[in-house]
C-alpha atoms as a PDB file:
ATOM      1  CA  UNK A   1      24.218   4.801 -12.105  1.00  0.00           C
ATOM      2  CA  UNK A   2      23.378   1.779 -14.477  1.00  0.00           C
ATOM      3  CA  UNK A   3      27.108   1.022 -14.743  1.00  0.00           C
ATOM      4  CA  UNK A   4      27.366   0.341 -11.281  1.00  0.00           C
ATOM      5  CA  UNK A   5      24.675  -2.153 -11.266  1.00  0.00           C
ATOM      6  CA  UNK A   6      25.995  -5.631 -12.340  1.00  0.00           C
ATOM      7  CA  UNK A   7      23.280  -7.682 -11.011  1.00  0.00           C
ATOM      8  CA  UNK A   8      19.430  -7.411 -10.143  1.00  0.00           C
ATOM      9  CA  UNK A   9      17.108  -9.569  -7.953  1.00  0.00           C
ATOM     10  CA  UNK A  10      13.591  -9.089  -9.426  1.00  0.00           C
ATOM     11  CA  UNK A  11      10.411  -9.980  -7.972  1.00  0.00           C
ATOM     12  CA  UNK A  12       8.986 -12.086 -10.477  1.00  0.00           C
ATOM     13  CA  UNK A  13       5.443 -13.392 -10.734  1.00  0.00           C
ATOM     14  CA  UNK A  14       5.611 -14.816 -14.348  1.00  0.00           C
ATOM     15  CA  UNK A  15       2.809 -12.586 -15.588  1.00  0.00           C
ATOM     16  CA  UNK A  16       3.066  -9.802 -18.277  1.00  0.00           C
ATOM     17  CA  UNK A  17       4.346  -7.106 -16.201  1.00  0.00           C
ATOM     18  CA  UNK A  18       7.245  -8.761 -14.681  1.00  0.00           C
ATOM     19  CA  UNK A  19       8.059 -10.636 -17.690  1.00  0.00           C
ATOM     20  CA  UNK A  20       8.559  -7.369 -19.537  1.00  0.00           C
ATOM     21  CA  UNK A  21      10.457  -5.981 -16.627  1.00  0.00           C
ATOM     22  CA  UNK A  22      12.939  -8.740 -16.709  1.00  0.00           C
ATOM     23  CA  UNK A  23      13.881  -8.244 -20.502  1.00  0.00           C
ATOM     24  CA  UNK A  24      13.724  -4.335 -20.135  1.00  0.00           C
ATOM     25  CA  UNK A  25      16.101  -4.641 -17.137  1.00  0.00           C
ATOM     26  CA  UNK A  26      18.555  -6.697 -19.150  1.00  0.00           C
ATOM     27  CA  UNK A  27      18.306  -4.092 -21.842  1.00  0.00           C
ATOM     28  CA  UNK A  28      18.482  -1.206 -19.690  1.00  0.00           C
ATOM     29  CA  UNK A  29      21.100  -1.944 -17.453  1.00  0.00           C
ATOM     30  CA  UNK A  30      23.098  -4.644 -19.391  1.00  0.00           C
ATOM     31  CA  UNK A  31      22.877  -6.534 -16.039  1.00  0.00           C
ATOM     32  CA  UNK A  32      22.195 -10.032 -14.769  1.00  0.00           C
ATOM     33  CA  UNK A  33      18.920 -10.237 -13.689  1.00  0.00           C
ATOM     34  CA  UNK A  34      17.728 -13.184 -11.077  1.00  0.00           C
ATOM     35  CA  UNK A  35      14.311 -13.723 -11.209  1.00  0.00           C
ATOM     36  CA  UNK A  36      12.909 -14.567  -7.536  1.00  0.00           C
ATOM     37  CA  UNK A  37       9.338 -15.800  -6.998  1.00  0.00           C
ATOM     38  CA  UNK A  38       7.684 -16.499  -3.518  1.00  0.00           C
ATOM     39  CA  UNK A  39       5.108 -19.035  -3.218  1.00  0.00           C
ATOM     40  CA  UNK A  40       2.585 -17.577  -0.867  1.00  0.00           C
ATOM     41  CA  UNK A  41       0.011 -20.121  -1.901  1.00  0.00           C
ATOM     42  CA  UNK A  42      -1.071 -18.041  -5.176  1.00  0.00           C
ATOM     43  CA  UNK A  43      -2.427 -20.046  -8.003  1.00  0.00           C
ATOM     44  CA  UNK A  44       0.484 -20.571 -10.301  1.00  0.00           C
ATOM     45  CA  UNK A  45       2.307 -23.269 -12.011  1.00  0.00           C
ATOM     46  CA  UNK A  46       5.883 -23.329 -10.837  1.00  0.00           C
ATOM     47  CA  UNK A  47       7.565 -25.175 -13.667  1.00  0.00           C
ATOM     48  CA  UNK A  48       5.830 -22.487 -15.928  1.00  0.00           C
ATOM     49  CA  UNK A  49       7.127 -19.454 -13.955  1.00  0.00           C
ATOM     50  CA  UNK A  50      10.698 -21.218 -13.704  1.00  0.00           C
ATOM     51  CA  UNK A  51      10.610 -22.008 -17.907  1.00  0.00           C
ATOM     52  CA  UNK A  52       9.306 -18.449 -18.937  1.00  0.00           C
ATOM     53  CA  UNK A  53      11.974 -16.559 -16.616  1.00  0.00           C
ATOM     54  CA  UNK A  54      14.701 -18.799 -18.255  1.00  0.00           C
ATOM     55  CA  UNK A  55      13.513 -18.318 -21.714  1.00  0.00           C
ATOM     56  CA  UNK A  56      13.332 -14.490 -21.190  1.00  0.00           C
ATOM     57  CA  UNK A  57      16.974 -14.635 -20.025  1.00  0.00           C
ATOM     58  CA  UNK A  58      17.140 -14.500 -16.207  1.00  0.00           C
ATOM     59  CA  UNK A  59      20.537 -15.755 -15.226  1.00  0.00           C
ATOM     60  CA  UNK A  60      19.336 -17.840 -12.310  1.00  0.00           C
ATOM     61  CA  UNK A  61      15.489 -18.372 -11.221  1.00  0.00           C
ATOM     62  CA  UNK A  62      14.730 -19.082  -7.603  1.00  0.00           C
ATOM     63  CA  UNK A  63      11.161 -20.222  -6.623  1.00  0.00           C
ATOM     64  CA  UNK A  64      10.761 -20.581  -2.655  1.00  0.00           C
ATOM     65  CA  UNK A  65       7.793 -22.066  -1.082  1.00  0.00           C
ATOM     66  CA  UNK A  66       7.078 -19.764   1.862  1.00  0.00           C
ATOM     67  CA  UNK A  67       3.632 -20.721   2.848  1.00  0.00           C
ATOM     68  CA  UNK A  68       4.224 -22.026   6.297  1.00  0.00           C
ATOM     69  CA  UNK A  69       6.595 -19.184   7.029  1.00  0.00           C
ATOM     70  CA  UNK A  70       4.139 -16.559   5.704  1.00  0.00           C
ATOM     71  CA  UNK A  71       1.058 -17.979   7.829  1.00  0.00           C
ATOM     72  CA  UNK A  72       3.398 -18.573  10.999  1.00  0.00           C
ATOM     73  CA  UNK A  73       5.533 -15.681  11.049  1.00  0.00           C
ATOM     74  CA  UNK A  74       3.339 -12.751   9.323  1.00  0.00           C
ATOM     75  CA  UNK A  75      -0.481 -13.860   9.462  1.00  0.00           C
ATOM     76  CA  UNK A  76      -0.809 -15.254  12.635  1.00  0.00           C
ATOM     77  CA  UNK A  77       1.176 -12.444  14.483  1.00  0.00           C
ATOM     78  CA  UNK A  78      -1.109 -10.036  12.723  1.00  0.00           C
ATOM     79  CA  UNK A  79      -4.057 -11.848  13.764  1.00  0.00           C
ATOM     80  CA  UNK A  80      -3.205 -11.833  17.419  1.00  0.00           C
ATOM     81  CA  UNK A  81      -3.915  -8.176  17.183  1.00  0.00           C
ATOM     82  CA  UNK A  82      -7.712  -9.034  15.585  1.00  0.00           C
ATOM     83  CA  UNK A  83      -6.148  -6.469  12.967  1.00  0.00           C
ATOM     84  CA  UNK A  84      -8.327  -4.752  10.509  1.00  0.00           C
ATOM     85  CA  UNK A  85      -7.848  -1.741   8.432  1.00  0.00           C
ATOM     86  CA  UNK A  86     -10.335   1.188   8.534  1.00  0.00           C
ATOM     87  CA  UNK A  87     -12.462  -1.163  10.386  1.00  0.00           C
ATOM     88  CA  UNK A  88     -12.817  -3.908   7.500  1.00  0.00           C
ATOM     89  CA  UNK A  89      -9.696  -5.052   5.564  1.00  0.00           C
ATOM     90  CA  UNK A  90      -7.951  -7.798   6.766  1.00  0.00           C
ATOM     91  CA  UNK A  91      -4.817  -6.569   5.099  1.00  0.00           C
ATOM     92  CA  UNK A  92      -4.058  -9.801   2.864  1.00  0.00           C
ATOM     93  CA  UNK A  93      -1.980  -7.660   0.385  1.00  0.00           C
ATOM     94  CA  UNK A  94      -0.277  -5.740   3.017  1.00  0.00           C
ATOM     95  CA  UNK A  95       0.914  -8.766   4.977  1.00  0.00           C
ATOM     96  CA  UNK A  96       2.819 -10.448   2.382  1.00  0.00           C
ATOM     97  CA  UNK A  97       5.074  -7.642   1.425  1.00  0.00           C
ATOM     98  CA  UNK A  98       7.473  -7.594   4.454  1.00  0.00           C
ATOM     99  CA  UNK A  99       8.171 -11.217   3.719  1.00  0.00           C
ATOM    100  CA  UNK A 100       8.655 -10.801   0.124  1.00  0.00           C
ATOM    101  CA  UNK A 101      10.996  -7.967   0.918  1.00  0.00           C
ATOM    102  CA  UNK A 102      12.724  -9.831   3.438  1.00  0.00           C
ATOM    103  CA  UNK A 103      13.685 -12.567   0.781  1.00  0.00           C
ATOM    104  CA  UNK A 104      14.480 -10.275  -1.904  1.00  0.00           C
ATOM    105  CA  UNK A 105      17.241  -8.766   0.300  1.00  0.00           C
ATOM    106  CA  UNK A 106      18.517 -12.267   1.407  1.00  0.00           C
ATOM    107  CA  UNK A 107      18.772 -13.261  -2.141  1.00  0.00           C
ATOM    108  CA  UNK A 108      20.510  -9.932  -3.171  1.00  0.00           C
ATOM    109  CA  UNK A 109      22.879 -10.377  -0.407  1.00  0.00           C
ATOM    110  CA  UNK A 110      23.782 -13.982  -1.022  1.00  0.00           C
ATOM    111  CA  UNK A 111      24.204 -13.390  -4.853  1.00  0.00           C
ATOM    112  CA  UNK A 112      26.016 -10.262  -4.315  1.00  0.00           C
ATOM    113  CA  UNK A 113      23.526  -8.008  -6.465  1.00  0.00           C
ATOM    114  CA  UNK A 114      23.473  -4.385  -6.014  1.00  0.00           C
ATOM    115  CA  UNK A 115      19.703  -3.821  -6.718  1.00  0.00           C
ATOM    116  CA  UNK A 116      16.216  -5.065  -6.431  1.00  0.00           C
ATOM    117  CA  UNK A 117      13.311  -4.495  -8.805  1.00  0.00           C
ATOM    118  CA  UNK A 118       9.718  -4.726  -8.525  1.00  0.00           C
ATOM    119  CA  UNK A 119       6.660  -4.307 -10.757  1.00  0.00           C
ATOM    120  CA  UNK A 120       4.538  -2.293  -8.408  1.00  0.00           C
ATOM    121  CA  UNK A 121       2.799   0.778 -10.233  1.00  0.00           C
ATOM    122  CA  UNK A 122       3.374   4.580  -9.267  1.00  0.00           C
ATOM    123  CA  UNK A 123      -0.080   4.851  -7.946  1.00  0.00           C
ATOM    124  CA  UNK A 124      -0.417   1.993  -5.270  1.00  0.00           C
ATOM    125  CA  UNK A 125       0.879   1.002  -1.838  1.00  0.00           C
ATOM    126  CA  UNK A 126       3.062  -1.892  -2.790  1.00  0.00           C
ATOM    127  CA  UNK A 127       5.907   0.314  -4.252  1.00  0.00           C
ATOM    128  CA  UNK A 128       6.064   1.856  -0.743  1.00  0.00           C
ATOM    129  CA  UNK A 129       5.947  -1.508   1.015  1.00  0.00           C
ATOM    130  CA  UNK A 130       8.576  -3.057  -1.032  1.00  0.00           C
ATOM    131  CA  UNK A 131      11.097  -0.088  -0.941  1.00  0.00           C
ATOM    132  CA  UNK A 132      10.394   0.813   2.668  1.00  0.00           C
ATOM    133  CA  UNK A 133      10.931  -2.872   3.574  1.00  0.00           C
ATOM    134  CA  UNK A 134      14.146  -3.029   1.627  1.00  0.00           C
ATOM    135  CA  UNK A 135      15.525   0.165   3.006  1.00  0.00           C
ATOM    136  CA  UNK A 136      14.887  -0.996   6.336  1.00  0.00           C
ATOM    137  CA  UNK A 137      16.773  -4.395   5.946  1.00  0.00           C
ATOM    138  CA  UNK A 138      19.606  -3.177   3.724  1.00  0.00           C
ATOM    139  CA  UNK A 139      19.799   0.540   3.002  1.00  0.00           C
ATOM    140  CA  UNK A 140      22.838  -0.082   0.704  1.00  0.00           C
ATOM    141  CA  UNK A 141      20.757  -2.016  -2.040  1.00  0.00           C
ATOM    142  CA  UNK A 142      19.107   0.367  -4.908  1.00  0.00           C
ATOM    143  CA  UNK A 143      15.329  -0.247  -5.810  1.00  0.00           C
ATOM    144  CA  UNK A 144      14.486   0.021  -9.135  1.00  0.00           C
ATOM    145  CA  UNK A 145      10.610   0.638 -10.098  1.00  0.00           C
ATOM    146  CA  UNK A 146      10.316   0.485 -13.780  1.00  0.00           C
ATOM    147  CA  UNK A 147       6.571   1.799 -13.819  1.00  0.00           C
ATOM    148  CA  UNK A 148       7.901   4.993 -12.450  1.00  0.00           C
ATOM    149  CA  UNK A 149      10.545   5.684 -14.709  1.00  0.00           C
ATOM    150  CA  UNK A 150       9.830   3.515 -18.338  1.00  0.00           C
ATOM    151  CA  UNK A 151       8.073   4.945 -21.277  1.00  0.00           C
ATOM    152  CA  UNK A 152       4.996   2.412 -21.219  1.00  0.00           C
ATOM    153  CA  UNK A 153       1.536   3.514 -20.157  1.00  0.00           C
ATOM    154  CA  UNK A 154      -0.609   0.549 -20.784  1.00  0.00           C
ATOM    155  CA  UNK A 155      -1.028  -3.300 -21.024  1.00  0.00           C
ATOM    156  CA  UNK A 156      -1.232  -2.813 -24.654  1.00  0.00           C
ATOM    157  CA  UNK A 157       2.368  -1.330 -24.865  1.00  0.00           C
ATOM    158  CA  UNK A 158       3.800  -4.417 -22.955  1.00  0.00           C
ATOM    159  CA  UNK A 159       2.196  -6.734 -25.259  1.00  0.00           C
ATOM    160  CA  UNK A 160       3.675  -4.716 -28.153  1.00  0.00           C
ATOM    161  CA  UNK A 161       7.148  -4.795 -26.560  1.00  0.00           C
ATOM    162  CA  UNK A 162       6.364  -8.567 -26.021  1.00  0.00           C
ATOM    163  CA  UNK A 163       5.796  -9.028 -29.958  1.00  0.00           C
ATOM    164  CA  UNK A 164       8.806  -6.915 -30.752  1.00  0.00           C
ATOM    165  CA  UNK A 165      11.181  -9.246 -28.675  1.00  0.00           C
ATOM    166  CA  UNK A 166       9.504 -12.373 -29.219  1.00  0.00           C
ATOM    167  CA  UNK A 167       8.552 -12.758 -25.703  1.00  0.00           C
ATOM    168  CA  UNK A 168       5.829 -15.613 -25.452  1.00  0.00           C
ATOM    169  CA  UNK A 169       3.247 -14.712 -22.754  1.00  0.00           C
ATOM    170  CA  UNK A 170      -0.647 -15.307 -22.818  1.00  0.00           C
ATOM    171  CA  UNK A 171      -1.740 -11.802 -23.129  1.00  0.00           C
ATOM    172  CA  UNK A 172      -3.953  -9.674 -25.562  1.00  0.00           C
ATOM    173  CA  UNK A 173      -3.478  -6.061 -26.283  1.00  0.00           C
ATOM    174  CA  UNK A 174      -7.298  -5.299 -24.524  1.00  0.00           C
ATOM    175  CA  UNK A 175      -6.855  -3.889 -21.147  1.00  0.00           C
ATOM    176  CA  UNK A 176      -7.930  -6.071 -18.416  1.00  0.00           C
ATOM    177  CA  UNK A 177     -11.491  -5.641 -16.695  1.00  0.00           C
ATOM    178  CA  UNK A 178      -9.396  -5.437 -13.105  1.00  0.00           C
ATOM    179  CA  UNK A 179      -6.242  -6.169 -11.639  1.00  0.00           C
ATOM    180  CA  UNK A 180      -5.851  -9.450  -9.275  1.00  0.00           C
ATOM    181  CA  UNK A 181      -3.274 -10.439  -6.568  1.00  0.00           C
ATOM    182  CA  UNK A 182      -3.387 -13.566  -4.533  1.00  0.00           C
ATOM    183  CA  UNK A 183      -2.039 -15.547  -1.799  1.00  0.00           C
ATOM    184  CA  UNK A 184      -2.920 -18.180   0.868  1.00  0.00           C
ATOM    185  CA  UNK A 185      -4.698 -15.298   2.967  1.00  0.00           C
ATOM    186  CA  UNK A 186      -6.636 -13.432   0.446  1.00  0.00           C
ATOM    187  CA  UNK A 187      -7.304 -12.486  -3.331  1.00  0.00           C
ATOM    188  CA  UNK A 188      -8.018  -8.852  -4.065  1.00  0.00           C
ATOM    189  CA  UNK A 189      -9.353  -7.242  -7.156  1.00  0.00           C
ATOM    190  CA  UNK A 190      -9.395  -3.584  -8.068  1.00  0.00           C
ATOM    191  CA  UNK A 191      -9.409  -1.197 -11.129  1.00  0.00           C
ATOM    192  CA  UNK A 192     -11.134  -0.744 -14.152  1.00  0.00           C
ATOM    193  CA  UNK A 193     -14.765  -2.055 -13.810  1.00  0.00           C
ATOM    194  CA  UNK A 194     -14.399  -1.764 -10.220  1.00  0.00           C
ATOM    195  CA  UNK A 195     -13.454   1.999 -10.323  1.00  0.00           C
ATOM    196  CA  UNK A 196     -17.334   2.982 -10.129  1.00  0.00           C
ATOM    197  CA  UNK A 197     -18.409   2.411  -6.424  1.00  0.00           C
ATOM    198  CA  UNK A 198     -22.023   3.216  -7.668  1.00  0.00           C
ATOM    199  CA  UNK A 199     -21.686  -0.277  -9.566  1.00  0.00           C
ATOM    200  CA  UNK A 200     -21.887  -3.557  -8.055  1.00  0.00           C
ATOM    201  CA  UNK A 201     -19.029  -5.972  -8.530  1.00  0.00           C
ATOM    202  CA  UNK A 202     -19.482  -8.566 -11.015  1.00  0.00           C
ATOM    203  CA  UNK A 203     -20.359 -11.857  -9.697  1.00  0.00           C
ATOM    204  CA  UNK A 204     -17.700 -13.553 -11.964  1.00  0.00           C
ATOM    205  CA  UNK A 205     -14.994 -11.931 -10.400  1.00  0.00           C
ATOM    206  CA  UNK A 206     -15.253 -14.031  -7.046  1.00  0.00           C
ATOM    207  CA  UNK A 207     -13.182 -17.028  -7.156  1.00  0.00           C
ATOM    208  CA  UNK A 208     -12.860 -18.412  -3.774  1.00  0.00           C
ATOM    209  CA  UNK A 209     -16.307 -17.979  -2.289  1.00  0.00           C
ATOM    210  CA  UNK A 210     -19.635 -18.961  -3.482  1.00  0.00           C
ATOM    211  CA  UNK A 211     -22.289 -16.202  -3.075  1.00  0.00           C
ATOM    212  CA  UNK A 212     -24.337 -16.447   0.364  1.00  0.00           C
ATOM    213  CA  UNK A 213     -27.342 -16.913  -2.105  1.00  0.00           C
ATOM    214  CA  UNK A 214     -25.682 -20.253  -3.404  1.00  0.00           C
ATOM    215  CA  UNK A 215     -24.043 -21.326  -0.270  1.00  0.00           C
ATOM    216  CA  UNK A 216     -25.711 -24.415   1.593  1.00  0.00           C
ATOM    217  CA  UNK A 217     -29.163 -23.627   3.515  1.00  0.00           C
ATOM    218  CA  UNK A 218     -27.843 -25.496   6.399  1.00  0.00           C
ATOM    219  CA  UNK A 219     -25.175 -24.898   9.255  1.00  0.00           C
ATOM    220  CA  UNK A 220     -21.543 -26.309   9.596  1.00  0.00           C
ATOM    221  CA  UNK A 221     -19.867 -26.539  12.792  1.00  0.00           C
ATOM    222  CA  UNK A 222     -16.415 -25.691  12.912  1.00  0.00           C
ATOM    223  CA  UNK A 223     -14.241 -26.238  16.017  1.00  0.00           C
ATOM    224  CA  UNK A 224     -10.931 -24.231  16.231  1.00  0.00           C
ATOM    225  CA  UNK A 225      -8.268 -24.888  18.725  1.00  0.00           C
ATOM    226  CA  UNK A 226      -5.926 -22.359  19.948  1.00  0.00           C
ATOM    227  CA  UNK A 227      -2.590 -22.095  21.740  1.00  0.00           C
ATOM    228  CA  UNK A 228      -0.963 -18.654  22.765  1.00  0.00           C
ATOM    229  CA  UNK A 229      -3.283 -16.929  20.507  1.00  0.00           C
ATOM    230  CA  UNK A 230      -2.561 -18.978  17.298  1.00  0.00           C
ATOM    231  CA  UNK A 231      -4.686 -21.561  15.727  1.00  0.00           C
ATOM    232  CA  UNK A 232      -3.269 -24.860  16.036  1.00  0.00           C
ATOM    233  CA  UNK A 233      -6.033 -27.531  15.208  1.00  0.00           C
ATOM    234  CA  UNK A 234      -9.198 -27.621  12.842  1.00  0.00           C
ATOM    235  CA  UNK A 235     -12.019 -30.009  13.951  1.00  0.00           C
ATOM    236  CA  UNK A 236      -9.681 -31.615  16.407  1.00  0.00           C
ATOM    237  CA  UNK A 237      -7.061 -32.168  13.481  1.00  0.00           C
ATOM    238  CA  UNK A 238      -3.574 -30.781  14.452  1.00  0.00           C
ATOM    239  CA  UNK A 239      -2.746 -28.938  11.299  1.00  0.00           C
ATOM    240  CA  UNK A 240       0.616 -26.800  10.225  1.00  0.00           C
ATOM    241  CA  UNK A 241      -0.251 -23.241   9.707  1.00  0.00           C
ATOM    242  CA  UNK A 242      -0.491 -23.253   6.128  1.00  0.00           C
ATOM    243  CA  UNK A 243      -2.559 -26.487   6.346  1.00  0.00           C
ATOM    244  CA  UNK A 244      -4.843 -24.803   8.775  1.00  0.00           C
ATOM    245  CA  UNK A 245      -5.413 -21.722   6.698  1.00  0.00           C
ATOM    246  CA  UNK A 246      -5.947 -23.678   3.125  1.00  0.00           C
ATOM    247  CA  UNK A 247      -8.678 -25.806   4.725  1.00  0.00           C
ATOM    248  CA  UNK A 248     -10.329 -23.212   6.544  1.00  0.00           C
ATOM    249  CA  UNK A 249     -10.378 -21.229   3.360  1.00  0.00           C
ATOM    250  CA  UNK A 250     -12.078 -23.998   1.783  1.00  0.00           C
ATOM    251  CA  UNK A 251     -14.679 -24.432   4.391  1.00  0.00           C
ATOM    252  CA  UNK A 252     -15.281 -20.842   4.462  1.00  0.00           C
ATOM    253  CA  UNK A 253     -15.596 -20.483   0.872  1.00  0.00           C
ATOM    254  CA  UNK A 254     -18.128 -23.042   0.098  1.00  0.00           C
ATOM    255  CA  UNK A 255     -20.276 -21.503   2.613  1.00  0.00           C
ATOM    256  CA  UNK A 256     -20.374 -18.046   1.210  1.00  0.00           C
ATOM    257  CA  UNK A 257     -17.955 -16.319   3.969  1.00  0.00           C
ATOM    258  CA  UNK A 258     -15.431 -13.738   3.416  1.00  0.00           C
ATOM    259  CA  UNK A 259     -16.542 -11.245   0.711  1.00  0.00           C
ATOM    260  CA  UNK A 260     -15.597  -7.603   1.137  1.00  0.00           C
ATOM    261  CA  UNK A 261     -16.208  -4.376  -1.178  1.00  0.00           C
ATOM    262  CA  UNK A 262     -15.018  -1.219   0.176  1.00  0.00           C
ATOM    263  CA  UNK A 263     -13.293   1.866  -0.609  1.00  0.00           C
ATOM    264  CA  UNK A 264     -10.041   2.335   1.227  1.00  0.00           C
ATOM    265  CA  UNK A 265      -7.619   5.245   1.697  1.00  0.00           C
ATOM    266  CA  UNK A 266      -4.250   4.638   0.264  1.00  0.00           C
ATOM    267  CA  UNK A 267      -1.061   5.595   1.727  1.00  0.00           C
ATOM    268  CA  UNK A 268      -0.379   7.581  -1.461  1.00  0.00           C
ATOM    269  CA  UNK A 269      -3.268   9.920  -0.692  1.00  0.00           C
ATOM    270  CA  UNK A 270      -5.655   8.295  -3.285  1.00  0.00           C
ATOM    271  CA  UNK A 271      -8.981   6.251  -2.293  1.00  0.00           C
ATOM    272  CA  UNK A 272      -9.220   3.067  -3.984  1.00  0.00           C
ATOM    273  CA  UNK A 273     -12.121   0.564  -4.219  1.00  0.00           C
ATOM    274  CA  UNK A 274     -11.268  -2.902  -3.667  1.00  0.00           C
ATOM    275  CA  UNK A 275     -13.084  -6.158  -3.712  1.00  0.00           C
ATOM    276  CA  UNK A 276     -11.367  -8.767  -1.509  1.00  0.00           C
ATOM    277  CA  UNK A 277     -11.933 -12.487  -0.575  1.00  0.00           C
ATOM    278  CA  UNK A 278     -10.575 -13.565   2.786  1.00  0.00           C
ATOM    279  CA  UNK A 279     -12.614 -16.598   3.590  1.00  0.00           C
ATOM    280  CA  UNK A 280     -10.517 -18.212   6.201  1.00  0.00           C
ATOM    281  CA  UNK A 281      -9.094 -15.117   7.687  1.00  0.00           C
ATOM    282  CA  UNK A 282     -12.854 -13.976   8.526  1.00  0.00           C
ATOM    283  CA  UNK A 283     -13.675 -17.039  10.561  1.00  0.00           C
ATOM    284  CA  UNK A 284     -10.358 -16.783  12.261  1.00  0.00           C
ATOM    285  CA  UNK A 285     -11.000 -13.263  13.399  1.00  0.00           C
ATOM    286  CA  UNK A 286     -14.182 -14.150  14.690  1.00  0.00           C
ATOM    287  CA  UNK A 287     -13.086 -17.302  16.470  1.00  0.00           C
ATOM    288  CA  UNK A 288      -9.812 -15.585  17.988  1.00  0.00           C
ATOM    289  CA  UNK A 289     -12.042 -12.513  19.498  1.00  0.00           C
ATOM    290  CA  UNK A 290     -14.393 -15.242  20.773  1.00  0.00           C
ATOM    291  CA  UNK A 291     -11.752 -16.897  22.809  1.00  0.00           C
ATOM    292  CA  UNK A 292     -10.052 -13.867  23.916  1.00  0.00           C
ATOM    293  CA  UNK A 293     -13.563 -12.633  25.304  1.00  0.00           C
ATOM    294  CA  UNK A 294     -12.968 -15.552  27.896  1.00  0.00           C
ATOM    295  CA  UNK A 295      -9.381 -15.639  28.391  1.00  0.00           C
ATOM    296  CA  UNK A 296      -8.439 -11.947  28.713  1.00  0.00           C
ATOM    297  CA  UNK A 297      -8.253  -9.742  31.405  1.00  0.00           C
ATOM    298  CA  UNK A 298     -10.881  -6.762  30.710  1.00  0.00           C
ATOM    299  CA  UNK A 299      -8.190  -4.191  30.484  1.00  0.00           C
ATOM    300  CA  UNK A 300      -5.906  -6.198  28.507  1.00  0.00           C
ATOM    301  CA  UNK A 301      -8.719  -6.652  25.856  1.00  0.00           C
ATOM    302  CA  UNK A 302      -9.617  -2.564  26.029  1.00  0.00           C
ATOM    303  CA  UNK A 303      -5.979  -1.846  25.335  1.00  0.00           C
ATOM    304  CA  UNK A 304      -5.356  -4.380  22.206  1.00  0.00           C
ATOM    305  CA  UNK A 305      -8.721  -2.742  21.111  1.00  0.00           C
ATOM    306  CA  UNK A 306      -7.222   0.829  21.349  1.00  0.00           C
ATOM    307  CA  UNK A 307      -3.833   0.079  19.709  1.00  0.00           C
ATOM    308  CA  UNK A 308      -4.875  -2.063  17.088  1.00  0.00           C
ATOM    309  CA  UNK A 309      -5.937   0.771  14.427  1.00  0.00           C
ATOM    310  CA  UNK A 310      -2.160   2.190  14.987  1.00  0.00           C
ATOM    311  CA  UNK A 311      -1.044  -1.255  14.611  1.00  0.00           C
ATOM    312  CA  UNK A 312      -3.143  -2.155  11.156  1.00  0.00           C
ATOM    313  CA  UNK A 313      -1.779   1.415   9.978  1.00  0.00           C
ATOM    314  CA  UNK A 314       1.808   0.241  10.430  1.00  0.00           C
ATOM    315  CA  UNK A 315       1.279  -2.837   8.248  1.00  0.00           C
ATOM    316  CA  UNK A 316      -0.999  -1.351   5.835  1.00  0.00           C
ATOM    317  CA  UNK A 317       1.749   1.512   4.985  1.00  0.00           C
ATOM    318  CA  UNK A 318       4.441  -0.895   4.698  1.00  0.00           C
ATOM    319  CA  UNK A 319       6.356  -0.254   8.301  1.00  0.00           C
ATOM    320  CA  UNK A 320       6.510  -3.767   9.588  1.00  0.00           C
ATOM    321  CA  UNK A 321      10.206  -3.728   9.974  1.00  0.00           C
ATOM    322  CA  UNK A 322      10.110  -0.675  12.390  1.00  0.00           C
ATOM    323  CA  UNK A 323      10.919  -0.593  16.022  1.00  0.00           C
ATOM    324  CA  UNK A 324       7.459   0.676  16.532  1.00  0.00           C
ATOM    325  CA  UNK A 325       5.761  -2.451  15.124  1.00  0.00           C
ATOM    326  CA  UNK A 326       8.415  -4.526  16.905  1.00  0.00           C
ATOM    327  CA  UNK A 327       7.503  -2.954  20.221  1.00  0.00           C
ATOM    328  CA  UNK A 328       3.738  -3.222  19.519  1.00  0.00           C
ATOM    329  CA  UNK A 329       4.090  -6.613  18.739  1.00  0.00           C
ATOM    330  CA  UNK A 330       5.875  -7.631  21.813  1.00  0.00           C
ATOM    331  CA  UNK A 331       2.855  -6.108  23.782  1.00  0.00           C
ATOM    332  CA  UNK A 332       0.565  -7.950  21.794  1.00  0.00           C
ATOM    333  CA  UNK A 333       2.144 -11.170  22.155  1.00  0.00           C
ATOM    334  CA  UNK A 334       2.468 -10.714  25.921  1.00  0.00           C
ATOM    335  CA  UNK A 335      -1.281 -10.803  26.234  1.00  0.00           C
ATOM    336  CA  UNK A 336      -1.503 -14.391  24.480  1.00  0.00           C
ATOM    337  CA  UNK A 337      -0.203 -16.549  27.099  1.00  0.00           C
ATOM    338  CA  UNK A 338      -3.459 -17.850  28.231  1.00  0.00           C
ATOM    339  CA  UNK A 339      -5.524 -17.597  24.943  1.00  0.00           C
ATOM    340  CA  UNK A 340      -5.794 -21.246  25.003  1.00  0.00           C
ATOM    341  CA  UNK A 341      -8.612 -23.801  24.237  1.00  0.00           C
ATOM    342  CA  UNK A 342     -11.154 -24.587  21.626  1.00  0.00           C
ATOM    343  CA  UNK A 343     -13.906 -22.371  19.957  1.00  0.00           C
ATOM    344  CA  UNK A 344     -17.016 -23.792  18.215  1.00  0.00           C
ATOM    345  CA  UNK A 345     -18.490 -21.625  15.570  1.00  0.00           C
ATOM    346  CA  UNK A 346     -21.617 -22.236  13.329  1.00  0.00           C
END
């Protein structure tokens, strides 16, 4: 099979895992590897990501700013349904995967690649989300998941690999205290010290929100304007989708809003404890439900609440690119015609 693969597109973050994968793919498949990074609002240095991929040997490095597309075409449609998974989770990681999958497929088709590779592990949901997305959009592309096939078992193994091949990366052989994923909608933390649900999450893990105890002891009024169910303004300032969410994140974070600690049921059959920060999304959900309480017909509102759990499950499990989700989206969007106006929250 490896002889047929001449070019691979790798979902590249610039971190330890995908840096090792980039080099490993070149060695294992003797193939050209294109490093693709989707900028969804994560905290990263594009120049450093580009430089590192080039040094490791990527034949081409593509870094694409997708923040507005991410918010407009994925986050906003999801929030039109007031979507939460298992009653609490705002699906910050889940909703990013369809867009990344779409872009990986587009790059593969444009560059003439035969395969796509990702760094998701064999225990989590992301491997399924990426692979379902790719297969839905182009079933001819092969998907390579190194964590399910190579001999490495730990972070220390990857660090040793970097030493062997002189891959310069800021990492130690110590296992991390937890893993982190972030984008404009949220930051998630899981694994290691968070795996015991009887122990509170350490205060130092939180990066985007102050604790409620340290939040200002005074109210702040927020005015959010909606048009057809989507936010268009914050405190009477018209903003692009990405600008809106970024500013709402800052406002919510400084007021101690948006922390979540829960145990969820993964698609793989495992239970997983996740700690999430979704500051702007938490306010946006409350504001959207508030304006719908005035603008929606009661039976429309009740129908939306009935279908929301199924819709959230489709997103969580990676079925964004399915006729079922598309049909549900059409129904949801048809309810948003008159969801217009302003909401004030304290």
